[in-house]
Amino acid sequence: MTSRNVRKRTGNARTCFGGAMVAAEPFERKMKGLIVTLREQQFEASRRDAVITANLKELGYGG
């Protein structure tokens, strides 16, 4: 069994980099970054929805 298979089965937070094992980014830090990205994307989606709605109203398709 390769070390890759062992990592998948055990769930160790390690990554192979250039043949050396290094600790992966800590879960809490990774989640905080993902949440920031999610909030930015939600904000942008909301802004775009407003622009689309305004454009549809201007074209006579919004109510």
C-alpha atoms as a PDB file:
ATOM      1  CA  MET A   1       0.000   0.000   0.000  1.00  0.00           C
ATOM      2  CA  THR A   2       1.400   3.397  -0.903  1.00  0.00           C
ATOM      3  CA  SER A   3       1.723   6.265   1.552  1.00  0.00           C
ATOM      4  CA  ARG A   4      -0.913   8.074  -0.510  1.00  0.00           C
ATOM      5  CA  ASN A   5      -3.424   5.332   0.263  1.00  0.00           C
ATOM      6  CA  VAL A   6      -2.506   5.408   3.934  1.00  0.00           C
ATOM      7  CA  ARG A   7      -3.103   9.158   4.091  1.00  0.00           C
ATOM      8  CA  LYS A   8      -6.495   8.779   2.455  1.00  0.00           C
ATOM      9  CA  ARG A   9      -7.536   6.070   4.887  1.00  0.00           C
ATOM     10  CA  THR A  10      -6.233   7.665   8.061  1.00  0.00           C
ATOM     11  CA  GLY A  11      -7.250  11.215   7.226  1.00  0.00           C
ATOM     12  CA  ASN A  12      -3.898  12.665   8.260  1.00  0.00           C
ATOM     13  CA  ALA A  13      -3.591  16.344   7.429  1.00  0.00           C
ATOM     14  CA  ARG A  14      -0.411  15.939   5.443  1.00  0.00           C
ATOM     15  CA  THR A  15       0.490  16.620   1.853  1.00  0.00           C
ATOM     16  CA  CYS A  16       3.273  15.308  -0.322  1.00  0.00           C
ATOM     17  CA  PHE A  17       5.458  18.133  -1.644  1.00  0.00           C
ATOM     18  CA  GLY A  18       8.491  17.241  -3.734  1.00  0.00           C
ATOM     19  CA  GLY A  19       8.690  13.823  -2.135  1.00  0.00           C
ATOM     20  CA  ALA A  20       8.679  15.226   1.414  1.00  0.00           C
ATOM     21  CA  MET A  21       5.726  15.119   3.759  1.00  0.00           C
ATOM     22  CA  VAL A  22       4.614  18.518   5.061  1.00  0.00           C
ATOM     23  CA  ALA A  23       1.699  19.484   7.287  1.00  0.00           C
ATOM     24  CA  ALA A  24      -1.329  20.766   5.375  1.00  0.00           C
ATOM     25  CA  GLU A  25      -2.975  24.093   6.170  1.00  0.00           C
ATOM     26  CA  PRO A  26      -4.762  23.858   9.540  1.00  0.00           C
ATOM     27  CA  PHE A  27      -8.491  23.223   9.213  1.00  0.00           C
ATOM     28  CA  GLU A  28      -9.598  26.353  11.115  1.00  0.00           C
ATOM     29  CA  ARG A  29      -7.467  28.672   8.970  1.00  0.00           C
ATOM     30  CA  LYS A  30      -8.636  26.959   5.783  1.00  0.00           C
ATOM     31  CA  MET A  31     -12.298  27.265   6.809  1.00  0.00           C
ATOM     32  CA  LYS A  32     -11.919  30.958   7.662  1.00  0.00           C
ATOM     33  CA  GLY A  33     -10.459  31.601   4.223  1.00  0.00           C
ATOM     34  CA  LEU A  34     -13.219  29.599   2.542  1.00  0.00           C
ATOM     35  CA  ILE A  35     -15.909  31.496   4.466  1.00  0.00           C
ATOM     36  CA  VAL A  36     -14.393  34.834   3.417  1.00  0.00           C
ATOM     37  CA  THR A  37     -14.415  33.673  -0.209  1.00  0.00           C
ATOM     38  CA  LEU A  38     -18.010  32.462   0.114  1.00  0.00           C
ATOM     39  CA  ARG A  39     -19.184  35.797   1.562  1.00  0.00           C
ATOM     40  CA  GLU A  40     -17.429  37.710  -1.229  1.00  0.00           C
ATOM     41  CA  GLN A  41     -19.081  35.505  -3.841  1.00  0.00           C
ATOM     42  CA  GLN A  42     -22.498  35.867  -2.193  1.00  0.00           C
ATOM     43  CA  PHE A  43     -22.127  39.650  -2.146  1.00  0.00           C
ATOM     44  CA  GLU A  44     -21.114  39.702  -5.819  1.00  0.00           C
ATOM     45  CA  ALA A  45     -24.017  37.397  -6.758  1.00  0.00           C
ATOM     46  CA  SER A  46     -26.455  39.696  -4.943  1.00  0.00           C
ATOM     47  CA  ARG A  47     -25.041  42.738  -6.740  1.00  0.00           C
ATOM     48  CA  ARG A  48     -25.320  41.019 -10.112  1.00  0.00           C
ATOM     49  CA  ASP A  49     -28.891  39.908  -9.365  1.00  0.00           C
ATOM     50  CA  ALA A  50     -29.804  43.550  -8.707  1.00  0.00           C
ATOM     51  CA  VAL A  51     -28.235  44.641 -12.001  1.00  0.00           C
ATOM     52  CA  ILE A  52     -30.068  41.903 -13.912  1.00  0.00           C
ATOM     53  CA  THR A  53     -33.373  42.817 -12.259  1.00  0.00           C
ATOM     54  CA  ALA A  54     -32.882  46.493 -13.128  1.00  0.00           C
ATOM     55  CA  ASN A  55     -32.017  45.610 -16.724  1.00  0.00           C
ATOM     56  CA  LEU A  56     -35.096  43.380 -17.060  1.00  0.00           C
ATOM     57  CA  LYS A  57     -37.326  46.180 -15.689  1.00  0.00           C
ATOM     58  CA  GLU A  58     -35.789  48.605 -18.166  1.00  0.00           C
ATOM     59  CA  LEU A  59     -36.619  46.192 -20.983  1.00  0.00           C
ATOM     60  CA  GLY A  60     -40.164  45.814 -19.711  1.00  0.00           C
ATOM     61  CA  TYR A  61     -39.808  42.287 -18.334  1.00  0.00           C
ATOM     62  CA  GLY A  62     -39.679  43.072 -14.619  1.00  0.00           C
ATOM     63  CA  GLY A  63     -42.480  43.899 -12.297  1.00  0.00           C
END
